[in-house]
């Protein structure tokens, strides 16, 4: 503890440590949601401890084999031009993960093709611009369960706004979208798309439109999903000048990428916007977004909205507010996640912002949209947590993962069985020290949930700004 305070070196850092200690003590004294018996396997450590292990992800192919992906940062301090290193581990059915050599940073979770192959989106940091903006090379590789990694097929080089996404269809079509800056002073955003085929070529980059002037802290989200009949759904935030004022909204482009994409305006947003989208084979599409005003501190609530397009319809429903927010001057934690089951059931999960006994809490909320119906009122899965992800099976089974706040002391999950009215009681996947971003998936071989997360053993007090702690990647599976 004394060493941490000495490293901080000023009174502001000392206050940070004192607040962290108080938060830990309060956590131990504050009851969370009821936690049921947890039939989860012992955590399996993957790879070696490293500084700055981030962005864990897992993808399964049809055989039950999986590809794990994560990134690490060199040393213990992140600088403005520090490049991350990507890692992959092949996890054969019934076997143990085998880590392969390091590579470029992993820009998005890997996507399974279905036949033992996975599409990996890779990002290489290039020499920065004269004004120290990030320049990257984005490309894709094909990885296999046998441990092979194909060459990089370059998608584009650009000055990035740190927003990129990838989606792979059941027929092996690959879509990559990103947001880049442009203009005389790099003061505007532009959305671009490239579509290709696994084992084939990519078409030329396609400009999908100007997203508007840069906002502080800016547009940081784009979402992709493949739907029925080769339809591609692209969801993004946009700012349009209308009658002398800037109007912020979330929009969708939908259609076959070899034809004209239809544009749909879904609903309003604030300066900071996180957009997620999902599409089912039935043709149902769900888009959800959480947004809050930008600036150095928030002055309006974090609001979550969603819009649905039902099978056979051309238009989306009016945006529905799932969470109007309950506290200001606090940012949300975790991430917004959406999923669609094969039967068309839609799910959304997020960490809300509320004022409570503590200055703020972050209840874990989940909402369900049965086939043909809108999202119902959200249910609370925990009193204070950071959502890591959401997964759904073809039969409608789903589960949400999160870490208990503050400081992520436990990794938790809640399941919803097909036909159930609510999610079941939370289950503890594993105790943890400052765990973050638990990534969920269903194993096709067992039909059961699998969770991958980052754990920082012994890390109980926040490090100073920009400083990382040694961490380990773990995985656990639920018993059938």
Protein backbone atom coordinates (compact mmCIF):
# COMPACT_ATOMS: atom_id res chain seq x y z
CA UNK A 1 0.00 0.00 0.00
CA UNK A 2 2.81 2.44 0.98
CA UNK A 3 4.60 1.71 -2.27
CA UNK A 4 1.48 2.55 -4.27
CA UNK A 5 1.09 5.87 -2.46
CA UNK A 6 4.74 6.69 -3.04
CA UNK A 7 4.39 5.99 -6.76
CA UNK A 8 1.36 8.25 -6.97
CA UNK A 9 3.41 11.12 -5.64
CA UNK A 10 0.69 13.72 -5.06
CA UNK A 11 -2.36 14.28 -2.94
CA UNK A 12 -4.80 13.49 -5.77
CA UNK A 13 -3.34 10.02 -6.13
CA UNK A 14 -3.45 9.50 -2.37
CA UNK A 15 -7.15 10.34 -2.38
CA UNK A 16 -7.65 7.77 -5.15
CA UNK A 17 -6.08 5.06 -3.00
CA UNK A 18 -8.12 6.04 0.07
CA UNK A 19 -11.33 5.91 -1.97
CA UNK A 20 -10.37 2.48 -3.32
CA UNK A 21 -9.78 1.13 0.19
CA UNK A 22 -13.14 2.49 1.33
CA UNK A 23 -14.84 0.93 -1.70
CA UNK A 24 -13.36 -2.48 -0.92
CA UNK A 25 -14.45 -2.30 2.71
CA UNK A 26 -17.92 -1.19 1.67
CA UNK A 27 -18.12 -4.05 -0.83
CA UNK A 28 -17.41 -6.56 1.91
CA UNK A 29 -20.19 -5.09 4.03
CA UNK A 30 -22.78 -4.66 1.27
CA UNK A 31 -24.93 -7.66 0.26
CA UNK A 32 -25.20 -8.46 -3.44
CA UNK A 33 -27.93 -10.36 -5.26
CA UNK A 34 -28.49 -13.92 -4.07
CA UNK A 35 -25.91 -16.26 -5.58
CA UNK A 36 -26.96 -19.82 -6.28
CA UNK A 37 -24.90 -22.99 -6.33
CA UNK A 38 -22.33 -22.73 -9.10
CA UNK A 39 -21.61 -25.96 -11.01
CA UNK A 40 -18.62 -24.42 -12.76
CA UNK A 41 -15.27 -26.05 -13.41
CA UNK A 42 -12.12 -24.87 -11.69
CA UNK A 43 -10.63 -21.87 -13.54
CA UNK A 44 -8.16 -22.90 -16.24
CA UNK A 45 -5.18 -20.56 -16.62
CA UNK A 46 -4.20 -19.84 -20.23
CA UNK A 47 -0.85 -18.43 -21.24
CA UNK A 48 1.70 -16.75 -19.00
CA UNK A 49 1.11 -13.76 -16.69
CA UNK A 50 1.68 -10.51 -18.55
CA UNK A 51 1.14 -6.80 -18.13
CA UNK A 52 -2.07 -5.42 -19.52
CA UNK A 53 -3.96 -8.54 -20.54
CA UNK A 54 -7.11 -7.14 -22.18
CA UNK A 55 -10.06 -7.94 -24.46
CA UNK A 56 -10.60 -11.67 -23.81
CA UNK A 57 -12.82 -13.42 -26.35
CA UNK A 58 -13.86 -16.96 -27.24
CA UNK A 59 -15.54 -18.34 -30.38
CA UNK A 60 -16.76 -21.92 -30.95
CA UNK A 61 -17.11 -23.74 -34.23
CA UNK A 62 -19.78 -26.37 -34.90
CA UNK A 63 -17.60 -29.24 -33.61
CA UNK A 64 -17.20 -27.68 -30.17
CA UNK A 65 -13.63 -26.53 -30.77
CA UNK A 66 -12.84 -22.95 -29.79
CA UNK A 67 -10.40 -20.17 -30.53
CA UNK A 68 -9.41 -17.90 -27.63
CA UNK A 69 -8.08 -14.41 -28.29
CA UNK A 70 -6.65 -11.66 -26.10
CA UNK A 71 -4.19 -8.78 -26.24
CA UNK A 72 -1.31 -7.72 -24.00
CA UNK A 73 0.54 -4.45 -23.61
CA UNK A 74 4.32 -4.23 -23.25
CA UNK A 75 5.72 -3.15 -19.89
CA UNK A 76 3.59 -1.62 -17.18
CA UNK A 77 2.74 1.78 -18.69
CA UNK A 78 0.59 2.59 -21.74
CA UNK A 79 1.71 5.54 -23.87
CA UNK A 80 -0.08 7.29 -26.75
CA UNK A 81 1.78 5.24 -29.35
CA UNK A 82 2.07 1.95 -27.44
CA UNK A 83 1.15 -1.06 -29.58
CA UNK A 84 -0.66 -4.08 -28.19
CA UNK A 85 0.29 -7.67 -28.98
CA UNK A 86 -2.38 -10.20 -29.92
CA UNK A 87 -2.50 -13.80 -28.74
CA UNK A 88 -4.48 -16.82 -29.95
CA UNK A 89 -5.00 -20.23 -28.38
CA UNK A 90 -6.63 -23.17 -30.15
CA UNK A 91 -8.89 -25.19 -27.85
CA UNK A 92 -9.78 -28.55 -29.45
CA UNK A 93 -12.92 -30.41 -28.31
CA UNK A 94 -12.21 -32.16 -25.01
CA UNK A 95 -8.60 -30.91 -25.00
CA UNK A 96 -6.65 -28.03 -23.48
CA UNK A 97 -5.89 -24.64 -25.05
CA UNK A 98 -2.61 -24.34 -26.96
CA UNK A 99 -1.23 -20.82 -27.25
CA UNK A 100 0.47 -19.86 -30.49
CA UNK A 101 3.02 -17.15 -31.24
CA UNK A 102 2.22 -13.49 -30.65
CA UNK A 103 0.92 -11.40 -33.53
CA UNK A 104 -0.67 -8.03 -34.28
CA UNK A 105 -3.28 -6.74 -31.86
CA UNK A 106 -6.69 -8.42 -32.02
CA UNK A 107 -9.11 -5.73 -33.19
CA UNK A 108 -12.38 -7.64 -32.57
CA UNK A 109 -13.52 -11.04 -31.24
CA UNK A 110 -12.72 -13.90 -33.66
CA UNK A 111 -15.54 -15.24 -35.80
CA UNK A 112 -16.12 -18.97 -36.41
CA UNK A 113 -16.70 -20.13 -39.96
CA UNK A 114 -18.14 -23.45 -38.80
CA UNK A 115 -15.63 -25.94 -40.18
CA UNK A 116 -12.70 -25.58 -37.80
CA UNK A 117 -11.69 -22.20 -39.21
CA UNK A 118 -11.91 -18.77 -37.61
CA UNK A 119 -11.60 -15.28 -39.04
CA UNK A 120 -9.33 -13.00 -37.00
CA UNK A 121 -9.37 -9.21 -37.40
CA UNK A 122 -5.86 -7.87 -36.79
CA UNK A 123 -4.64 -4.32 -36.24
CA UNK A 124 -1.07 -3.13 -36.69
CA UNK A 125 -0.04 0.26 -35.38
CA UNK A 126 1.84 2.25 -38.02
CA UNK A 127 3.96 5.36 -37.72
CA UNK A 128 1.71 8.10 -36.25
CA UNK A 129 0.76 11.20 -38.17
CA UNK A 130 2.66 14.43 -37.68
CA UNK A 131 0.11 15.51 -35.09
CA UNK A 132 0.51 12.16 -33.27
CA UNK A 133 -2.79 10.64 -34.39
CA UNK A 134 -3.01 6.85 -34.55
CA UNK A 135 -2.52 5.24 -37.96
CA UNK A 136 -3.33 1.58 -38.31
CA UNK A 137 -3.33 -1.24 -40.83
CA UNK A 138 -6.41 -3.44 -40.54
CA UNK A 139 -6.36 -6.97 -41.95
CA UNK A 140 -7.84 -10.45 -41.58
CA UNK A 141 -6.28 -13.90 -41.18
CA UNK A 142 -7.75 -17.40 -41.09
CA UNK A 143 -6.84 -19.45 -37.99
CA UNK A 144 -7.50 -23.16 -37.54
CA UNK A 145 -7.90 -25.50 -34.58
CA UNK A 146 -4.73 -27.24 -35.77
CA UNK A 147 -2.84 -24.09 -34.80
CA UNK A 148 -2.19 -22.69 -38.26
CA UNK A 149 -2.58 -18.98 -38.99
CA UNK A 150 -2.87 -17.79 -42.55
CA UNK A 151 -1.31 -14.62 -44.00
CA UNK A 152 -2.81 -11.22 -43.39
CA UNK A 153 -5.13 -9.89 -46.07
CA UNK A 154 -5.05 -6.14 -45.74
CA UNK A 155 -8.41 -4.38 -45.47
CA UNK A 156 -7.28 -0.80 -45.14
CA UNK A 157 -4.85 1.77 -43.77
CA UNK A 158 -6.26 4.84 -42.14
CA UNK A 159 -6.23 7.31 -39.28
CA UNK A 160 -8.56 5.57 -36.88
CA UNK A 161 -11.24 6.65 -34.48
CA UNK A 162 -10.87 3.33 -32.62
CA UNK A 163 -14.10 1.85 -33.96
CA UNK A 164 -14.03 -1.30 -36.05
CA UNK A 165 -16.18 -4.41 -36.32
CA UNK A 166 -16.26 -7.73 -38.16
CA UNK A 167 -19.04 -10.21 -38.90
CA UNK A 168 -18.96 -13.54 -40.75
CA UNK A 169 -22.07 -15.11 -42.28
CA UNK A 170 -22.94 -18.80 -42.25
CA UNK A 171 -21.85 -18.97 -45.88
CA UNK A 172 -18.44 -17.49 -45.16
CA UNK A 173 -19.04 -13.89 -46.23
CA UNK A 174 -16.83 -11.46 -44.28
CA UNK A 175 -17.82 -7.86 -43.56
CA UNK A 176 -15.39 -5.41 -41.95
CA UNK A 177 -16.44 -1.87 -41.03
CA UNK A 178 -14.48 0.91 -39.44
CA UNK A 179 -14.70 4.60 -38.58
CA UNK A 180 -11.86 6.80 -39.76
CA UNK A 181 -11.12 10.49 -39.51
CA UNK A 182 -10.87 12.66 -42.60
CA UNK A 183 -11.10 16.25 -43.71
CA UNK A 184 -8.54 19.02 -43.94
CA UNK A 185 -7.91 18.99 -40.20
CA UNK A 186 -8.96 15.38 -39.55
CA UNK A 187 -12.01 16.85 -37.88
CA UNK A 188 -14.72 14.62 -39.31
CA UNK A 189 -15.69 10.96 -39.15
CA UNK A 190 -16.38 8.64 -42.09
CA UNK A 191 -17.79 5.10 -42.07
CA UNK A 192 -16.27 2.57 -44.48
CA UNK A 193 -17.01 -1.07 -45.33
CA UNK A 194 -15.27 -3.94 -47.12
CA UNK A 195 -16.87 -7.28 -47.91
CA UNK A 196 -15.08 -10.46 -48.93
CA UNK A 197 -15.24 -14.22 -48.73
CA UNK A 198 -13.37 -16.75 -46.61
CA UNK A 199 -10.67 -18.07 -48.91
CA UNK A 200 -11.50 -15.42 -51.52
CA UNK A 201 -10.91 -11.78 -52.28
CA UNK A 202 -12.26 -8.59 -50.77
CA UNK A 203 -14.14 -6.07 -52.83
CA UNK A 204 -13.03 -2.44 -52.90
CA UNK A 205 -13.60 -0.24 -49.82
CA UNK A 206 -17.06 1.26 -49.77
CA UNK A 207 -17.81 4.66 -48.23
CA UNK A 208 -21.06 4.48 -46.26
CA UNK A 209 -21.28 8.15 -45.43
CA UNK A 210 -19.95 11.05 -43.43
CA UNK A 211 -20.83 10.62 -39.75
CA UNK A 212 -20.37 14.28 -38.91
CA UNK A 213 -18.00 16.51 -37.03
CA UNK A 214 -15.83 15.13 -34.26
CA UNK A 215 -17.42 15.34 -30.84
CA UNK A 216 -15.62 15.12 -27.55
CA UNK A 217 -14.86 12.33 -26.71
CA UNK A 218 -16.23 11.30 -30.08
CA UNK A 219 -17.99 8.52 -31.95
CA UNK A 220 -16.53 5.22 -30.84
CA UNK A 221 -18.92 2.52 -32.04
CA UNK A 222 -20.04 0.58 -35.10
CA UNK A 223 -21.88 -2.78 -35.13
CA UNK A 224 -22.31 -5.44 -37.84
CA UNK A 225 -24.62 -8.44 -38.17
CA UNK A 226 -25.50 -10.85 -40.97
CA UNK A 227 -29.20 -11.70 -41.29
CA UNK A 228 -31.42 -13.85 -43.46
CA UNK A 229 -30.64 -14.25 -47.16
CA UNK A 230 -27.26 -12.56 -47.02
CA UNK A 231 -28.59 -9.32 -45.56
CA UNK A 232 -25.99 -7.16 -43.82
CA UNK A 233 -26.93 -4.81 -40.97
CA UNK A 234 -24.63 -1.89 -40.13
CA UNK A 235 -25.53 0.21 -37.07
CA UNK A 236 -23.70 3.41 -36.09
CA UNK A 237 -24.12 6.84 -34.44
CA UNK A 238 -24.30 9.87 -36.69
CA UNK A 239 -24.52 13.67 -36.46
CA UNK A 240 -26.45 15.52 -39.16
CA UNK A 241 -26.78 19.28 -39.65
CA UNK A 242 -30.49 20.05 -39.90
CA UNK A 243 -31.75 23.64 -40.13
CA UNK A 244 -28.65 25.10 -38.58
CA UNK A 245 -28.30 22.70 -35.67
CA UNK A 246 -26.60 19.36 -35.12
CA UNK A 247 -28.96 16.42 -34.68
CA UNK A 248 -27.56 13.24 -33.18
CA UNK A 249 -29.18 9.89 -33.98
CA UNK A 250 -28.46 6.19 -34.35
CA UNK A 251 -28.88 4.89 -37.90
CA UNK A 252 -28.89 1.53 -39.64
CA UNK A 253 -27.94 0.49 -43.15
CA UNK A 254 -29.52 -2.83 -44.13
CA UNK A 255 -29.61 -4.95 -47.27
CA UNK A 256 -27.47 -7.17 -49.45
CA UNK A 257 -24.01 -5.59 -49.70
CA UNK A 258 -23.90 -6.11 -53.48
CA UNK A 259 -26.97 -3.90 -53.78
CA UNK A 260 -28.13 -0.60 -52.37
CA UNK A 261 -28.28 -0.53 -48.57
CA UNK A 262 -31.43 1.05 -47.12
CA UNK A 263 -30.88 3.69 -44.47
CA UNK A 264 -33.06 3.83 -41.35
CA UNK A 265 -32.96 6.47 -38.60
CA UNK A 266 -33.76 4.69 -35.33
CA UNK A 267 -33.74 7.26 -32.57
CA UNK A 268 -31.86 9.97 -30.65
CA UNK A 269 -28.54 9.68 -28.94
CA UNK A 270 -26.07 11.73 -26.91
CA UNK A 271 -22.40 12.52 -27.52
CA UNK A 272 -21.03 9.19 -26.22
CA UNK A 273 -22.83 6.25 -27.82
CA UNK A 274 -22.29 2.49 -27.68
CA UNK A 275 -24.23 0.63 -30.42
CA UNK A 276 -24.83 -3.14 -30.63
CA UNK A 277 -26.78 -5.16 -33.23
CA UNK A 278 -27.91 -8.74 -33.74
CA UNK A 279 -29.80 -10.56 -36.50
CA UNK A 280 -31.44 -14.00 -36.54
CA UNK A 281 -32.02 -16.48 -39.39
CA UNK A 282 -35.73 -15.71 -39.07
CA UNK A 283 -35.08 -12.17 -40.29
CA UNK A 284 -35.53 -10.41 -36.97
CA UNK A 285 -33.04 -7.61 -36.23
CA UNK A 286 -32.38 -5.93 -32.88
CA UNK A 287 -30.34 -2.76 -32.42
CA UNK A 288 -29.67 -1.37 -28.95
CA UNK A 289 -27.65 1.62 -27.87
CA UNK A 290 -26.65 3.34 -24.66
CA UNK A 291 -25.69 6.99 -24.73
CA UNK A 292 -24.74 9.85 -22.47
CA UNK A 293 -23.56 13.41 -22.97
CA UNK A 294 -19.86 13.93 -23.54
CA UNK A 295 -17.42 16.30 -21.94
CA UNK A 296 -15.19 16.02 -18.93
CA UNK A 297 -18.08 14.95 -16.73
CA UNK A 298 -21.62 13.77 -17.52
CA UNK A 299 -24.54 16.04 -16.77
CA UNK A 300 -27.38 13.83 -18.02
CA UNK A 301 -28.33 10.20 -17.33
CA UNK A 302 -27.03 7.19 -19.23
CA UNK A 303 -30.04 6.06 -21.32
CA UNK A 304 -30.49 2.70 -23.07
CA UNK A 305 -32.78 2.37 -26.11
CA UNK A 306 -33.63 -0.40 -28.56
CA UNK A 307 -35.41 -0.81 -31.88
CA UNK A 308 -36.58 -4.02 -33.54
CA UNK A 309 -37.36 -5.00 -37.12
CA UNK A 310 -39.67 -7.98 -37.28
CA UNK A 311 -39.36 -10.69 -39.98
CA UNK A 312 -40.93 -9.65 -43.27
CA UNK A 313 -40.99 -5.95 -42.35
CA UNK A 314 -38.97 -3.22 -44.01
CA UNK A 315 -39.07 -0.72 -41.16
CA UNK A 316 -37.90 -0.79 -37.58
CA UNK A 317 -40.22 -0.14 -34.67
CA UNK A 318 -39.99 3.18 -32.89
CA UNK A 319 -37.08 3.29 -30.47
CA UNK A 320 -38.10 2.08 -27.02
CA UNK A 321 -36.41 3.32 -23.85
CA UNK A 322 -35.23 0.31 -21.86
CA UNK A 323 -33.52 2.33 -19.13
CA UNK A 324 -34.11 6.06 -18.61
CA UNK A 325 -31.12 6.29 -16.25
CA UNK A 326 -31.08 7.14 -12.60
CA UNK A 327 -27.91 9.05 -11.83
CA UNK A 328 -25.81 11.79 -13.39
CA UNK A 329 -22.15 12.79 -13.06
CA UNK A 330 -21.22 9.11 -13.36
CA UNK A 331 -20.24 7.03 -16.39
CA UNK A 332 -21.53 3.49 -16.95
CA UNK A 333 -19.28 0.49 -16.37
CA UNK A 334 -19.00 -2.70 -18.39
CA UNK A 335 -20.62 -2.89 -21.80
CA UNK A 336 -23.98 -3.04 -23.49
CA UNK A 337 -24.61 -6.48 -25.01
CA UNK A 338 -27.35 -7.85 -27.28
CA UNK A 339 -28.09 -11.31 -28.68
CA UNK A 340 -30.78 -13.05 -30.71
CA UNK A 341 -31.63 -16.72 -30.24
CA UNK A 342 -32.50 -18.90 -33.20
CA UNK A 343 -36.19 -18.75 -32.29
CA UNK A 344 -36.09 -14.94 -32.55
CA UNK A 345 -36.02 -14.16 -28.82
CA UNK A 346 -34.03 -10.99 -28.28
CA UNK A 347 -31.91 -10.20 -25.23
CA UNK A 348 -30.13 -7.07 -24.02
CA UNK A 349 -27.97 -6.62 -20.92
CA UNK A 350 -26.16 -3.60 -19.47
CA UNK A 351 -24.97 -1.97 -16.26
CA UNK A 352 -27.19 0.93 -15.30
CA UNK A 353 -26.20 4.02 -13.33
CA UNK A 354 -28.11 4.71 -10.11
CA UNK A 355 -27.72 6.88 -7.05
CA UNK A 356 -27.99 4.86 -3.86
CA UNK A 357 -26.46 4.28 -0.44
CA UNK A 358 -23.10 4.66 -2.07
CA UNK A 359 -22.60 7.70 -4.29
CA UNK A 360 -23.49 5.54 -7.32
CA UNK A 361 -24.28 1.90 -8.04
CA UNK A 362 -24.40 -0.01 -11.32
CA UNK A 363 -27.23 -2.57 -11.22
CA UNK A 364 -26.90 -5.37 -13.76
CA UNK A 365 -30.08 -5.28 -15.89
CA UNK A 366 -31.37 -7.60 -18.62
CA UNK A 367 -34.40 -7.23 -20.90
CA UNK A 368 -36.09 -9.83 -23.11
CA UNK A 369 -38.08 -9.42 -26.33
CA UNK A 370 -40.10 -12.58 -27.10
CA UNK A 371 -40.69 -13.38 -30.78
CA UNK A 372 -43.07 -10.81 -32.26
CA UNK A 373 -43.10 -8.68 -29.08
CA UNK A 374 -41.12 -5.66 -27.88
CA UNK A 375 -38.66 -5.64 -25.02
CA UNK A 376 -40.30 -5.98 -21.66
CA UNK A 377 -39.32 -4.23 -18.45
CA UNK A 378 -35.72 -5.06 -17.49
CA UNK A 379 -35.02 -7.38 -14.57
CA UNK A 380 -32.19 -6.81 -12.11
CA UNK A 381 -29.61 -9.60 -11.96
CA UNK A 382 -27.30 -7.98 -9.41
CA UNK A 383 -27.07 -4.80 -7.36
CA UNK A 384 -23.71 -3.57 -8.63
CA UNK A 385 -21.73 -5.07 -11.49
CA UNK A 386 -20.00 -4.51 -14.83
CA UNK A 387 -21.55 -6.51 -17.67
CA UNK A 388 -19.04 -8.47 -19.71
CA UNK A 389 -21.24 -10.09 -22.35
CA UNK A 390 -24.35 -11.99 -23.39
CA UNK A 391 -24.77 -15.22 -25.37
CA UNK A 392 -27.86 -17.03 -26.71
CA UNK A 393 -28.43 -20.50 -28.16
CA UNK A 394 -30.68 -21.52 -31.02
CA UNK A 395 -33.34 -22.87 -28.62
CA UNK A 396 -33.63 -19.59 -26.70
CA UNK A 397 -31.33 -20.39 -23.78
CA UNK A 398 -29.20 -17.39 -22.81
CA UNK A 399 -26.78 -16.23 -20.16
CA UNK A 400 -25.23 -12.95 -19.03
CA UNK A 401 -21.78 -12.50 -17.46
CA UNK A 402 -20.52 -9.71 -15.25
CA UNK A 403 -18.00 -8.84 -12.55
CA UNK A 404 -19.06 -7.65 -9.13
CA UNK A 405 -18.35 -3.98 -8.54
CA UNK A 406 -16.27 -2.28 -7.38
CA UNK A 407 -12.94 -3.69 -8.55
CA UNK A 408 -14.42 -6.86 -10.03
CA UNK A 409 -14.06 -9.13 -7.01
CA UNK A 410 -16.07 -12.02 -8.50
CA UNK A 411 -17.01 -13.32 -11.93
CA UNK A 412 -20.75 -14.06 -12.06
CA UNK A 413 -23.29 -15.42 -14.54
CA UNK A 414 -27.07 -15.84 -14.76
CA UNK A 415 -28.91 -18.24 -17.09
CA UNK A 416 -32.33 -18.05 -18.65
CA UNK A 417 -33.78 -21.37 -19.77
CA UNK A 418 -36.02 -21.67 -22.86
CA UNK A 419 -39.57 -20.69 -21.95
CA UNK A 420 -38.60 -19.31 -18.52
CA UNK A 421 -40.13 -16.04 -17.39
CA UNK A 422 -36.93 -14.72 -15.81
CA UNK A 423 -33.21 -15.31 -15.50
CA UNK A 424 -32.21 -17.70 -12.72
CA UNK A 425 -30.26 -16.64 -9.64
CA UNK A 426 -26.70 -15.50 -10.21
CA UNK A 427 -23.98 -18.16 -10.08
CA UNK A 428 -20.39 -17.52 -9.10
CA UNK A 429 -18.10 -18.61 -11.92
CA UNK A 430 -14.96 -17.83 -9.91
CA UNK A 431 -13.63 -15.57 -7.15
CA UNK A 432 -11.22 -13.06 -8.61
CA UNK A 433 -9.03 -10.03 -7.95
CA UNK A 434 -9.94 -7.09 -10.17
CA UNK A 435 -11.33 -9.32 -12.89
CA UNK A 436 -12.69 -7.64 -16.00
CA UNK A 437 -14.61 -8.30 -19.21
CA UNK A 438 -15.89 -11.89 -18.80
CA UNK A 439 -16.64 -13.07 -22.35
CA UNK A 440 -19.48 -15.65 -22.71
CA UNK A 441 -20.22 -18.36 -25.27
CA UNK A 442 -22.12 -21.64 -25.52
CA UNK A 443 -20.20 -24.81 -26.32
CA UNK A 444 -21.91 -26.66 -29.21
CA UNK A 445 -20.41 -29.94 -27.93
CA UNK A 446 -21.90 -29.79 -24.40
CA UNK A 447 -24.58 -27.14 -24.89
CA UNK A 448 -23.30 -25.43 -21.74
CA UNK A 449 -21.92 -21.94 -21.04
CA UNK A 450 -18.22 -21.14 -21.16
CA UNK A 451 -16.68 -17.94 -19.76
CA UNK A 452 -13.26 -16.40 -20.45
CA UNK A 453 -12.00 -13.52 -18.33
CA UNK A 454 -8.93 -11.58 -17.18
CA UNK A 455 -7.76 -11.85 -13.57
CA UNK A 456 -5.15 -9.68 -11.87
CA UNK A 457 -4.09 -11.75 -8.84
CA UNK A 458 -3.37 -9.68 -5.75
CA UNK A 459 -4.42 -6.46 -7.48
CA UNK A 460 -6.68 -4.73 -4.93
CA UNK A 461 -5.93 -1.03 -5.30
CA UNK A 462 -6.25 0.91 -8.58
CA UNK A 463 -2.92 1.64 -10.21
CA UNK A 464 -1.99 5.15 -11.23
CA UNK A 465 -3.30 6.43 -14.55
CA UNK A 466 -1.79 4.53 -17.46
CA UNK A 467 -0.19 1.86 -15.27
CA UNK A 468 -1.09 -1.80 -15.71
CA UNK A 469 -0.86 -4.81 -13.42
CA UNK A 470 0.28 -8.35 -14.29
CA UNK A 471 -2.72 -10.43 -15.32
CA UNK A 472 -3.71 -13.92 -16.39
CA UNK A 473 -6.38 -15.17 -18.81
CA UNK A 474 -8.76 -17.79 -17.35
CA UNK A 475 -11.57 -19.95 -18.68
CA UNK A 476 -14.27 -22.00 -16.94
CA UNK A 477 -17.14 -24.16 -18.21
CA UNK A 478 -20.47 -25.01 -16.60
CA UNK A 479 -21.10 -28.68 -15.96
CA UNK A 480 -23.89 -30.29 -18.05
